Amino acid sequence: MKPARSAFARDAIDAKGWWGAHRWLVLRRLVQFAVLALFLVGPWFGWWIVKGNLNYSLTLGTLPLADPLVMLQSLLARHVPERNALIGVAIVLAFYLLVGGRVYCAWVCPVNIVTDAASALRRKLDIRGGGDMPRQTRYWILALILVLAATTGGIVWELVNPVSLLPRGLIFGMGAGWLVIGGIFLFDLFVMKRGWCGHLCPVGAFYGLLGRVRLVRVSAHRREDCNDCLDCFTACPEQHVIRLPLKGASKGVGPMILDSDCTSCGRCIDVCAKDVFTFMPRFAPGKDGIPRGSAAPEQ
């Protein structure tokens, strides 16, 4: 008889300790709260380290950073950007092209804290099943907001964008913004697992288009040690990115996760008691004879 499966990540905690099983999660939270704090300490305490918001900011009065998606909408709306905004977009694009676009989703986006909380509570309450929809839906929504910018002459999406609403609400008061943020939490909790980030968010869709050549990726470098506990699948916000790198050796697929949907959140690394996963340079040689960056063969 097959033994009953242990509680989520219990094996990892037993093998590596609490810190070893939560290291990347804690580091992500520190980064996310630090980013939020940089935008909040100015309005709250008058310490203007960073001026602006996640759409456009100026750090120490010198370094401009600008959201490429907002810039694209602005251009479609026929607005002429300032030089600093163009420089800021170039810096952000270069960064995410190298480290991976969806790193933004796991390490910067404040809404990720909300959706992760919904996922953790869903797991604790053992809520299973739920709705489903194609992952391509978020790309259709992305196309829609670009069309709206071009046809209305305004950046309409920013009126309801939860990524902007959450930090703005913490400064000026949430108001109706709580309906959006609360709606996302309840949707992910009761309707669809990882529904917002995985299926609907156009910001995540846009950043997913970036970083296909990123230099550091997650690799199942010890996939032969996998004991099929499924904790990595439970923890991963984009479960489909794991399957082939973990189980595709017989198909000639390398152990490195190349799918642009991977958020590099590191949770698969945390919760694996066997240390199957790790962050690794993309072009590191593969010990099993299959190049780390090998993709699935043509069918």
C-alpha atoms as a PDB file:
ATOM      1  CA  MET A   1       0.000   0.000   0.000  1.00  0.00           C
ATOM      2  CA  LYS A   2       1.299   3.437  -0.916  1.00  0.00           C
ATOM      3  CA  PRO A   3       1.999   5.548   2.204  1.00  0.00           C
ATOM      4  CA  ALA A   4      -0.122   8.615   2.816  1.00  0.00           C
ATOM      5  CA  ARG A   5       1.396  11.757   1.399  1.00  0.00           C
ATOM      6  CA  SER A   6       2.896  14.087   3.991  1.00  0.00           C
ATOM      7  CA  ALA A   7       1.723  17.641   4.557  1.00  0.00           C
ATOM      8  CA  PHE A   8       2.872  20.188   2.009  1.00  0.00           C
ATOM      9  CA  ALA A   9       6.629  20.915   2.279  1.00  0.00           C
ATOM     10  CA  ARG A  10       6.914  18.893   5.498  1.00  0.00           C
ATOM     11  CA  ASP A  11       9.621  16.694   3.987  1.00  0.00           C
ATOM     12  CA  ALA A  12      11.593  19.780   2.944  1.00  0.00           C
ATOM     13  CA  ILE A  13      11.300  21.311   6.415  1.00  0.00           C
ATOM     14  CA  ASP A  14      12.446  18.044   8.001  1.00  0.00           C
ATOM     15  CA  ALA A  15      15.385  17.748   5.589  1.00  0.00           C
ATOM     16  CA  LYS A  16      16.524  21.384   5.358  1.00  0.00           C
ATOM     17  CA  GLY A  17      14.937  23.185   8.295  1.00  0.00           C
ATOM     18  CA  TRP A  18      12.358  25.959   8.165  1.00  0.00           C
ATOM     19  CA  TRP A  19      14.735  28.497   6.600  1.00  0.00           C
ATOM     20  CA  GLY A  20      15.901  26.071   3.920  1.00  0.00           C
ATOM     21  CA  ALA A  21      12.294  25.328   2.955  1.00  0.00           C
ATOM     22  CA  HIS A  22      11.275  29.026   2.858  1.00  0.00           C
ATOM     23  CA  ARG A  23      14.439  30.890   1.886  1.00  0.00           C
ATOM     24  CA  TRP A  24      13.400  32.141  -1.545  1.00  0.00           C
ATOM     25  CA  LEU A  25       9.881  32.936  -0.349  1.00  0.00           C
ATOM     26  CA  VAL A  26      11.254  35.092   2.489  1.00  0.00           C
ATOM     27  CA  LEU A  27      13.713  36.830   0.181  1.00  0.00           C
ATOM     28  CA  ARG A  28      10.933  37.590  -2.310  1.00  0.00           C
ATOM     29  CA  ARG A  29       8.753  39.072   0.398  1.00  0.00           C
ATOM     30  CA  LEU A  30      11.629  41.235   1.627  1.00  0.00           C
ATOM     31  CA  VAL A  31      12.184  42.551  -1.895  1.00  0.00           C
ATOM     32  CA  GLN A  32       8.467  43.169  -2.482  1.00  0.00           C
ATOM     33  CA  PHE A  33       7.982  45.008   0.803  1.00  0.00           C
ATOM     34  CA  ALA A  34      11.222  46.944   0.273  1.00  0.00           C
ATOM     35  CA  VAL A  35      10.001  48.129  -3.143  1.00  0.00           C
ATOM     36  CA  LEU A  36       6.675  49.179  -1.622  1.00  0.00           C
ATOM     37  CA  ALA A  37       8.460  50.912   1.257  1.00  0.00           C
ATOM     38  CA  LEU A  38      10.602  52.959  -1.109  1.00  0.00           C
ATOM     39  CA  PHE A  39       7.450  54.433  -2.642  1.00  0.00           C
ATOM     40  CA  LEU A  40       5.680  54.902   0.691  1.00  0.00           C
ATOM     41  CA  VAL A  41       8.335  56.521   2.905  1.00  0.00           C
ATOM     42  CA  GLY A  42       8.255  59.718   0.834  1.00  0.00           C
ATOM     43  CA  PRO A  43       4.526  60.490   1.187  1.00  0.00           C
ATOM     44  CA  TRP A  44       4.356  59.061   4.722  1.00  0.00           C
ATOM     45  CA  PHE A  45       7.575  60.383   6.298  1.00  0.00           C
ATOM     46  CA  GLY A  46       9.040  62.875   3.835  1.00  0.00           C
ATOM     47  CA  TRP A  47      12.055  60.665   3.004  1.00  0.00           C
ATOM     48  CA  TRP A  48      12.125  61.031  -0.768  1.00  0.00           C
ATOM     49  CA  ILE A  49      14.491  58.244  -1.764  1.00  0.00           C
ATOM     50  CA  VAL A  50      12.202  57.406  -4.677  1.00  0.00           C
ATOM     51  CA  LYS A  51       9.683  59.775  -6.209  1.00  0.00           C
ATOM     52  CA  GLY A  52       6.850  58.426  -8.328  1.00  0.00           C
ATOM     53  CA  ASN A  53       5.280  54.998  -8.586  1.00  0.00           C
ATOM     54  CA  LEU A  54       5.717  51.656 -10.341  1.00  0.00           C
ATOM     55  CA  ASN A  55       4.773  53.288 -13.646  1.00  0.00           C
ATOM     56  CA  TYR A  56       7.503  55.921 -13.479  1.00  0.00           C
ATOM     57  CA  SER A  57       9.954  56.787 -10.740  1.00  0.00           C
ATOM     58  CA  LEU A  58      13.093  58.798 -10.116  1.00  0.00           C
ATOM     59  CA  THR A  59      15.529  57.373  -7.567  1.00  0.00           C
ATOM     60  CA  LEU A  60      17.712  59.846  -5.631  1.00  0.00           C
ATOM     61  CA  GLY A  61      16.772  62.472  -8.178  1.00  0.00           C
ATOM     62  CA  THR A  62      18.941  60.741 -10.783  1.00  0.00           C
ATOM     63  CA  LEU A  63      17.919  57.252 -11.894  1.00  0.00           C
ATOM     64  CA  PRO A  64      14.710  57.094 -13.970  1.00  0.00           C
ATOM     65  CA  LEU A  65      12.746  53.858 -14.242  1.00  0.00           C
ATOM     66  CA  ALA A  66       9.602  53.498 -16.344  1.00  0.00           C
ATOM     67  CA  ASP A  67       7.153  50.678 -17.047  1.00  0.00           C
ATOM     68  CA  PRO A  68       7.440  49.576 -20.707  1.00  0.00           C
ATOM     69  CA  LEU A  69       3.756  48.560 -20.849  1.00  0.00           C
ATOM     70  CA  VAL A  70       2.622  52.000 -19.705  1.00  0.00           C
ATOM     71  CA  MET A  71       4.982  53.569 -22.227  1.00  0.00           C
ATOM     72  CA  LEU A  72       3.568  51.398 -25.023  1.00  0.00           C
ATOM     73  CA  GLN A  73       0.022  52.436 -24.110  1.00  0.00           C
ATOM     74  CA  SER A  74       1.137  56.061 -23.971  1.00  0.00           C
ATOM     75  CA  LEU A  75       2.647  55.862 -27.448  1.00  0.00           C
ATOM     76  CA  LEU A  76      -0.508  54.224 -28.814  1.00  0.00           C
ATOM     77  CA  ALA A  77      -2.517  57.017 -27.206  1.00  0.00           C
ATOM     78  CA  ARG A  78      -0.313  59.446 -29.182  1.00  0.00           C
ATOM     79  CA  HIS A  79       1.373  60.990 -26.154  1.00  0.00           C
ATOM     80  CA  VAL A  80       4.952  62.210 -26.629  1.00  0.00           C
ATOM     81  CA  PRO A  81       7.205  60.776 -23.873  1.00  0.00           C
ATOM     82  CA  GLU A  82       9.897  62.801 -22.145  1.00  0.00           C
ATOM     83  CA  ARG A  83      13.554  61.871 -22.490  1.00  0.00           C
ATOM     84  CA  ASN A  84      13.797  60.583 -18.903  1.00  0.00           C
ATOM     85  CA  ALA A  85      10.842  58.266 -19.527  1.00  0.00           C
ATOM     86  CA  LEU A  86      12.544  56.804 -22.591  1.00  0.00           C
ATOM     87  CA  ILE A  87      15.758  56.286 -20.633  1.00  0.00           C
ATOM     88  CA  GLY A  88      13.777  54.662 -17.821  1.00  0.00           C
ATOM     89  CA  VAL A  89      12.056  52.264 -20.212  1.00  0.00           C
ATOM     90  CA  ALA A  90      15.387  51.312 -21.793  1.00  0.00           C
ATOM     91  CA  ILE A  91      16.861  50.484 -18.371  1.00  0.00           C
ATOM     92  CA  VAL A  92      13.866  48.391 -17.327  1.00  0.00           C
ATOM     93  CA  LEU A  93      13.706  46.562 -20.660  1.00  0.00           C
ATOM     94  CA  ALA A  94      17.417  45.719 -20.528  1.00  0.00           C
ATOM     95  CA  PHE A  95      17.061  44.401 -16.969  1.00  0.00           C
ATOM     96  CA  TYR A  96      14.085  42.141 -17.629  1.00  0.00           C
ATOM     97  CA  LEU A  97      15.432  40.904 -20.951  1.00  0.00           C
ATOM     98  CA  LEU A  98      18.422  39.577 -19.008  1.00  0.00           C
ATOM     99  CA  VAL A  99      16.798  38.269 -15.812  1.00  0.00           C
ATOM    100  CA  GLY A 100      13.397  37.296 -17.231  1.00  0.00           C
ATOM    101  CA  GLY A 101      10.257  39.346 -17.625  1.00  0.00           C
ATOM    102  CA  ARG A 102       8.107  37.431 -15.177  1.00  0.00           C
ATOM    103  CA  VAL A 103      10.640  37.974 -12.422  1.00  0.00           C
ATOM    104  CA  TYR A 104       8.631  41.198 -12.125  1.00  0.00           C
ATOM    105  CA  CYS A 105       5.546  39.162 -11.194  1.00  0.00           C
ATOM    106  CA  ALA A 106       7.218  37.191  -8.395  1.00  0.00           C
ATOM    107  CA  TRP A 107       9.682  39.721  -6.996  1.00  0.00           C
ATOM    108  CA  VAL A 108       8.219  43.192  -7.574  1.00  0.00           C
ATOM    109  CA  CYS A 109       4.453  43.138  -8.189  1.00  0.00           C
ATOM    110  CA  PRO A 110       2.563  43.873  -4.928  1.00  0.00           C
ATOM    111  CA  VAL A 111      -0.508  41.967  -6.125  1.00  0.00           C
ATOM    112  CA  ASN A 112       1.573  38.782  -5.980  1.00  0.00           C
ATOM    113  CA  ILE A 113       1.404  39.037  -2.185  1.00  0.00           C
ATOM    114  CA  VAL A 114      -2.403  38.990  -2.422  1.00  0.00           C
ATOM    115  CA  THR A 115      -2.583  36.074  -4.848  1.00  0.00           C
ATOM    116  CA  ASP A 116      -0.001  34.060  -2.910  1.00  0.00           C
ATOM    117  CA  ALA A 117      -2.074  34.582   0.234  1.00  0.00           C
ATOM    118  CA  ALA A 118      -5.178  33.321  -1.568  1.00  0.00           C
ATOM    119  CA  SER A 119      -3.268  30.286  -2.830  1.00  0.00           C
ATOM    120  CA  ALA A 120      -1.928  29.466   0.650  1.00  0.00           C
ATOM    121  CA  LEU A 121      -5.402  29.776   2.204  1.00  0.00           C
ATOM    122  CA  ARG A 122      -6.913  27.702  -0.591  1.00  0.00           C
ATOM    123  CA  ARG A 123      -4.373  24.984   0.166  1.00  0.00           C
ATOM    124  CA  LYS A 124      -4.997  25.212   3.925  1.00  0.00           C
ATOM    125  CA  LEU A 125      -8.764  24.934   3.444  1.00  0.00           C
ATOM    126  CA  ASP A 126      -8.210  22.098   0.946  1.00  0.00           C
ATOM    127  CA  ILE A 127     -10.300  23.794  -1.726  1.00  0.00           C
ATOM    128  CA  ARG A 128     -10.009  21.726  -4.865  1.00  0.00           C
ATOM    129  CA  GLY A 129     -11.240  22.032  -8.411  1.00  0.00           C
ATOM    130  CA  GLY A 130     -12.749  25.249  -9.684  1.00  0.00           C
ATOM    131  CA  GLY A 131     -13.071  27.024 -12.979  1.00  0.00           C
ATOM    132  CA  ASP A 132     -10.676  26.960 -15.878  1.00  0.00           C
ATOM    133  CA  MET A 133      -9.896  29.076 -18.908  1.00  0.00           C
ATOM    134  CA  PRO A 134      -7.122  29.209 -21.515  1.00  0.00           C
ATOM    135  CA  ARG A 135      -3.894  30.837 -20.387  1.00  0.00           C
ATOM    136  CA  GLN A 136      -3.986  32.780 -23.642  1.00  0.00           C
ATOM    137  CA  THR A 137      -6.861  34.824 -22.173  1.00  0.00           C
ATOM    138  CA  ARG A 138      -4.353  37.217 -20.573  1.00  0.00           C
ATOM    139  CA  TYR A 139      -2.847  37.916 -23.997  1.00  0.00           C
ATOM    140  CA  TRP A 140      -6.279  38.768 -25.392  1.00  0.00           C
ATOM    141  CA  ILE A 141      -6.783  41.147 -22.465  1.00  0.00           C
ATOM    142  CA  LEU A 142      -3.353  42.647 -23.159  1.00  0.00           C
ATOM    143  CA  ALA A 143      -4.346  43.203 -26.785  1.00  0.00           C
ATOM    144  CA  LEU A 144      -7.614  44.780 -25.633  1.00  0.00           C
ATOM    145  CA  ILE A 145      -5.962  47.358 -23.364  1.00  0.00           C
ATOM    146  CA  LEU A 146      -3.597  48.323 -26.191  1.00  0.00           C
ATOM    147  CA  VAL A 147      -6.539  48.757 -28.563  1.00  0.00           C
ATOM    148  CA  LEU A 148      -8.321  50.872 -25.942  1.00  0.00           C
ATOM    149  CA  ALA A 149      -5.273  53.118 -25.616  1.00  0.00           C
ATOM    150  CA  ALA A 150      -5.116  53.580 -29.378  1.00  0.00           C
ATOM    151  CA  THR A 151      -8.840  54.243 -29.825  1.00  0.00           C
ATOM    152  CA  THR A 152      -9.543  56.392 -26.754  1.00  0.00           C
ATOM    153  CA  GLY A 153      -6.331  58.399 -26.615  1.00  0.00           C
ATOM    154  CA  GLY A 154      -5.955  57.553 -22.921  1.00  0.00           C
ATOM    155  CA  ILE A 155      -4.296  54.904 -20.782  1.00  0.00           C
ATOM    156  CA  VAL A 156      -7.603  53.381 -19.729  1.00  0.00           C
ATOM    157  CA  TRP A 157      -6.096  50.301 -18.100  1.00  0.00           C
ATOM    158  CA  GLU A 158      -4.434  52.373 -15.376  1.00  0.00           C
ATOM    159  CA  LEU A 159      -7.858  53.293 -14.001  1.00  0.00           C
ATOM    160  CA  VAL A 160      -8.368  49.696 -12.839  1.00  0.00           C
ATOM    161  CA  ASN A 161      -4.861  48.191 -12.892  1.00  0.00           C
ATOM    162  CA  PRO A 162      -4.497  46.494  -9.473  1.00  0.00           C
ATOM    163  CA  VAL A 163      -0.699  46.790  -9.664  1.00  0.00           C
ATOM    164  CA  SER A 164      -1.142  50.564  -9.591  1.00  0.00           C
ATOM    165  CA  LEU A 165      -4.206  50.627  -7.338  1.00  0.00           C
ATOM    166  CA  LEU A 166      -2.595  48.853  -4.397  1.00  0.00           C
ATOM    167  CA  PRO A 167       0.391  51.175  -3.720  1.00  0.00           C
ATOM    168  CA  ARG A 168      -1.658  54.236  -4.689  1.00  0.00           C
ATOM    169  CA  GLY A 169      -4.379  53.149  -2.288  1.00  0.00           C
ATOM    170  CA  LEU A 170      -1.878  52.697   0.559  1.00  0.00           C
ATOM    171  CA  ILE A 171      -0.893  56.350   0.116  1.00  0.00           C
ATOM    172  CA  PHE A 172      -4.204  58.032  -0.612  1.00  0.00           C
ATOM    173  CA  GLY A 173      -6.732  55.495   0.687  1.00  0.00           C
ATOM    174  CA  MET A 174      -8.042  52.463  -1.130  1.00  0.00           C
ATOM    175  CA  GLY A 175     -11.653  53.510  -1.642  1.00  0.00           C
ATOM    176  CA  ALA A 176     -13.159  51.399  -4.397  1.00  0.00           C
ATOM    177  CA  GLY A 177      -9.721  49.887  -4.965  1.00  0.00           C
ATOM    178  CA  TRP A 178     -10.524  47.402  -2.206  1.00  0.00           C
ATOM    179  CA  LEU A 179     -13.203  45.972  -4.489  1.00  0.00           C
ATOM    180  CA  VAL A 180     -10.592  45.187  -7.142  1.00  0.00           C
ATOM    181  CA  ILE A 181      -7.976  43.781  -4.749  1.00  0.00           C
ATOM    182  CA  GLY A 182     -10.572  41.899  -2.695  1.00  0.00           C
ATOM    183  CA  GLY A 183     -12.157  40.576  -5.872  1.00  0.00           C
ATOM    184  CA  ILE A 184      -8.820  39.162  -7.051  1.00  0.00           C
ATOM    185  CA  PHE A 185      -8.263  37.493  -3.661  1.00  0.00           C
ATOM    186  CA  LEU A 186     -11.723  35.904  -3.627  1.00  0.00           C
ATOM    187  CA  PHE A 187     -11.476  34.888  -7.283  1.00  0.00           C
ATOM    188  CA  ASP A 188      -8.192  33.051  -6.657  1.00  0.00           C
ATOM    189  CA  LEU A 189      -9.490  31.553  -3.419  1.00  0.00           C
ATOM    190  CA  PHE A 190     -12.878  30.230  -4.481  1.00  0.00           C
ATOM    191  CA  VAL A 191     -13.165  30.325  -8.279  1.00  0.00           C
ATOM    192  CA  MET A 192      -9.835  29.409  -9.898  1.00  0.00           C
ATOM    193  CA  LYS A 193      -6.446  28.472  -8.515  1.00  0.00           C
ATOM    194  CA  ARG A 194      -3.921  31.142  -9.535  1.00  0.00           C
ATOM    195  CA  GLY A 195      -6.655  32.555 -11.748  1.00  0.00           C
ATOM    196  CA  TRP A 196      -5.573  36.187 -11.838  1.00  0.00           C
ATOM    197  CA  CYS A 197      -1.816  35.901 -12.383  1.00  0.00           C
ATOM    198  CA  GLY A 198      -1.940  32.714 -14.444  1.00  0.00           C
ATOM    199  CA  HIS A 199      -4.889  33.447 -16.723  1.00  0.00           C
ATOM    200  CA  LEU A 200      -6.060  37.070 -16.641  1.00  0.00           C
ATOM    201  CA  CYS A 201      -3.362  39.609 -15.758  1.00  0.00           C
ATOM    202  CA  PRO A 202      -2.241  41.529 -18.868  1.00  0.00           C
ATOM    203  CA  VAL A 203       0.776  42.938 -17.020  1.00  0.00           C
ATOM    204  CA  GLY A 204       2.074  39.414 -16.447  1.00  0.00           C
ATOM    205  CA  ALA A 205       1.322  38.581 -20.071  1.00  0.00           C
ATOM    206  CA  PHE A 206       3.394  41.524 -21.248  1.00  0.00           C
ATOM    207  CA  TYR A 207       6.353  40.730 -19.024  1.00  0.00           C
ATOM    208  CA  GLY A 208       6.111  37.095 -20.072  1.00  0.00           C
ATOM    209  CA  LEU A 209       6.991  38.239 -23.596  1.00  0.00           C
ATOM    210  CA  LEU A 210      10.284  39.616 -22.303  1.00  0.00           C
ATOM    211  CA  GLY A 211      13.340  37.736 -21.165  1.00  0.00           C
ATOM    212  CA  ARG A 212      13.313  34.725 -23.475  1.00  0.00           C
ATOM    213  CA  VAL A 213      17.120  34.954 -23.556  1.00  0.00           C
ATOM    214  CA  ARG A 214      17.526  35.517 -19.821  1.00  0.00           C
ATOM    215  CA  LEU A 215      20.804  34.307 -18.436  1.00  0.00           C
ATOM    216  CA  VAL A 216      19.749  32.715 -15.122  1.00  0.00           C
ATOM    217  CA  ARG A 217      17.003  30.115 -14.934  1.00  0.00           C
ATOM    218  CA  VAL A 218      15.682  27.388 -12.679  1.00  0.00           C
ATOM    219  CA  SER A 219      17.035  23.944 -13.512  1.00  0.00           C
ATOM    220  CA  ALA A 220      15.963  20.488 -12.344  1.00  0.00           C
ATOM    221  CA  HIS A 221      19.658  19.591 -12.262  1.00  0.00           C
ATOM    222  CA  ARG A 222      19.085  16.551 -10.005  1.00  0.00           C
ATOM    223  CA  ARG A 223      15.876  15.336 -11.568  1.00  0.00           C
ATOM    224  CA  GLU A 224      16.963  11.712 -11.241  1.00  0.00           C
ATOM    225  CA  ASP A 225      16.527  12.146  -7.456  1.00  0.00           C
ATOM    226  CA  CYS A 226      12.855  13.172  -7.759  1.00  0.00           C
ATOM    227  CA  ASN A 227      10.589  11.029  -5.546  1.00  0.00           C
ATOM    228  CA  ASP A 228       7.318  12.251  -7.104  1.00  0.00           C
ATOM    229  CA  CYS A 229       6.124  13.986  -3.925  1.00  0.00           C
ATOM    230  CA  LEU A 230       4.493  16.693  -6.132  1.00  0.00           C
ATOM    231  CA  ASP A 231       5.306  19.497  -3.675  1.00  0.00           C
ATOM    232  CA  CYS A 232       6.991  21.466  -6.474  1.00  0.00           C
ATOM    233  CA  PHE A 233       3.801  21.288  -8.547  1.00  0.00           C
ATOM    234  CA  THR A 234       1.739  22.368  -5.539  1.00  0.00           C
ATOM    235  CA  ALA A 235       3.994  25.357  -4.891  1.00  0.00           C
ATOM    236  CA  CYS A 236       4.583  26.476  -8.488  1.00  0.00           C
ATOM    237  CA  PRO A 237       2.294  29.289  -9.700  1.00  0.00           C
ATOM    238  CA  GLU A 238       2.806  28.106 -13.310  1.00  0.00           C
ATOM    239  CA  GLN A 239       2.803  24.315 -12.937  1.00  0.00           C
ATOM    240  CA  HIS A 240       3.067  23.550 -16.645  1.00  0.00           C
ATOM    241  CA  VAL A 241       6.617  24.950 -16.821  1.00  0.00           C
ATOM    242  CA  ILE A 242       7.992  22.176 -14.572  1.00  0.00           C
ATOM    243  CA  ARG A 243       6.709  19.027 -16.229  1.00  0.00           C
ATOM    244  CA  LEU A 244       9.065  18.548 -19.188  1.00  0.00           C
ATOM    245  CA  PRO A 245      12.289  19.753 -17.522  1.00  0.00           C
ATOM    246  CA  LEU A 246      11.566  17.414 -14.598  1.00  0.00           C
ATOM    247  CA  LYS A 247      10.350  14.340 -16.505  1.00  0.00           C
ATOM    248  CA  GLY A 248      11.499  14.841 -20.085  1.00  0.00           C
ATOM    249  CA  ALA A 249      14.919  13.151 -20.064  1.00  0.00           C
ATOM    250  CA  SER A 250      13.579  10.258 -22.160  1.00  0.00           C
ATOM    251  CA  LYS A 251      12.385  12.796 -24.745  1.00  0.00           C
ATOM    252  CA  GLY A 252      15.749  14.515 -24.931  1.00  0.00           C
ATOM    253  CA  VAL A 253      14.530  17.574 -23.036  1.00  0.00           C
ATOM    254  CA  GLY A 254      17.087  19.313 -20.850  1.00  0.00           C
ATOM    255  CA  PRO A 255      16.462  19.973 -17.157  1.00  0.00           C
ATOM    256  CA  MET A 256      16.443  23.754 -17.465  1.00  0.00           C
ATOM    257  CA  ILE A 257      13.090  25.548 -17.382  1.00  0.00           C
ATOM    258  CA  LEU A 258      12.964  27.595 -20.582  1.00  0.00           C
ATOM    259  CA  ASP A 259       9.270  28.464 -20.600  1.00  0.00           C
ATOM    260  CA  SER A 260       8.821  32.240 -20.399  1.00  0.00           C
ATOM    261  CA  ASP A 261       5.888  31.729 -17.999  1.00  0.00           C
ATOM    262  CA  CYS A 262       8.351  30.765 -15.226  1.00  0.00           C
ATOM    263  CA  THR A 263       8.420  33.558 -12.634  1.00  0.00           C
ATOM    264  CA  SER A 264      11.724  32.472 -11.018  1.00  0.00           C
ATOM    265  CA  CYS A 265       9.975  32.584  -7.656  1.00  0.00           C
ATOM    266  CA  GLY A 266      12.193  29.803  -6.286  1.00  0.00           C
ATOM    267  CA  ARG A 267       9.408  27.949  -4.497  1.00  0.00           C
ATOM    268  CA  CYS A 268      10.185  24.684  -6.299  1.00  0.00           C
ATOM    269  CA  ILE A 269      13.714  25.013  -4.885  1.00  0.00           C
ATOM    270  CA  ASP A 270      12.410  25.695  -1.388  1.00  0.00           C
ATOM    271  CA  VAL A 271       9.905  22.862  -1.064  1.00  0.00           C
ATOM    272  CA  CYS A 272      11.962  20.056  -2.609  1.00  0.00           C
ATOM    273  CA  ALA A 273      13.492  17.861   0.086  1.00  0.00           C
ATOM    274  CA  LYS A 274      15.785  16.269  -2.520  1.00  0.00           C
ATOM    275  CA  ASP A 275      17.219  19.588  -3.798  1.00  0.00           C
ATOM    276  CA  VAL A 276      16.221  18.680  -7.332  1.00  0.00           C
ATOM    277  CA  PHE A 277      15.974  22.341  -8.408  1.00  0.00           C
ATOM    278  CA  THR A 278      18.421  25.207  -8.323  1.00  0.00           C
ATOM    279  CA  PHE A 279      19.104  28.539 -10.045  1.00  0.00           C
ATOM    280  CA  MET A 280      21.760  28.099 -12.705  1.00  0.00           C
ATOM    281  CA  PRO A 281      23.367  30.011 -15.621  1.00  0.00           C
ATOM    282  CA  ARG A 282      21.476  29.166 -18.786  1.00  0.00           C
ATOM    283  CA  PHE A 283      24.451  27.818 -20.679  1.00  0.00           C
ATOM    284  CA  ALA A 284      25.894  25.616 -17.919  1.00  0.00           C
ATOM    285  CA  PRO A 285      26.729  22.126 -19.285  1.00  0.00           C
ATOM    286  CA  GLY A 286      24.380  19.291 -18.443  1.00  0.00           C
ATOM    287  CA  LYS A 287      25.791  16.350 -16.477  1.00  0.00           C
ATOM    288  CA  ASP A 288      23.293  13.951 -18.072  1.00  0.00           C
ATOM    289  CA  GLY A 289      24.575  14.663 -21.576  1.00  0.00           C
ATOM    290  CA  ILE A 290      21.565  16.809 -22.456  1.00  0.00           C
ATOM    291  CA  PRO A 291      22.403  20.515 -22.735  1.00  0.00           C
ATOM    292  CA  ARG A 292      20.841  22.569 -19.967  1.00  0.00           C
ATOM    293  CA  GLY A 293      19.072  24.782 -22.471  1.00  0.00           C
ATOM    294  CA  SER A 294      17.614  21.991 -24.588  1.00  0.00           C
ATOM    295  CA  ALA A 295      14.007  22.540 -25.549  1.00  0.00           C
ATOM    296  CA  ALA A 296      11.411  19.921 -26.313  1.00  0.00           C
ATOM    297  CA  PRO A 297      11.988  18.219 -29.671  1.00  0.00           C
ATOM    298  CA  GLU A 298       9.712  18.953 -32.582  1.00  0.00           C
ATOM    299  CA  GLN A 299       6.685  16.678 -32.639  1.00  0.00           C
END
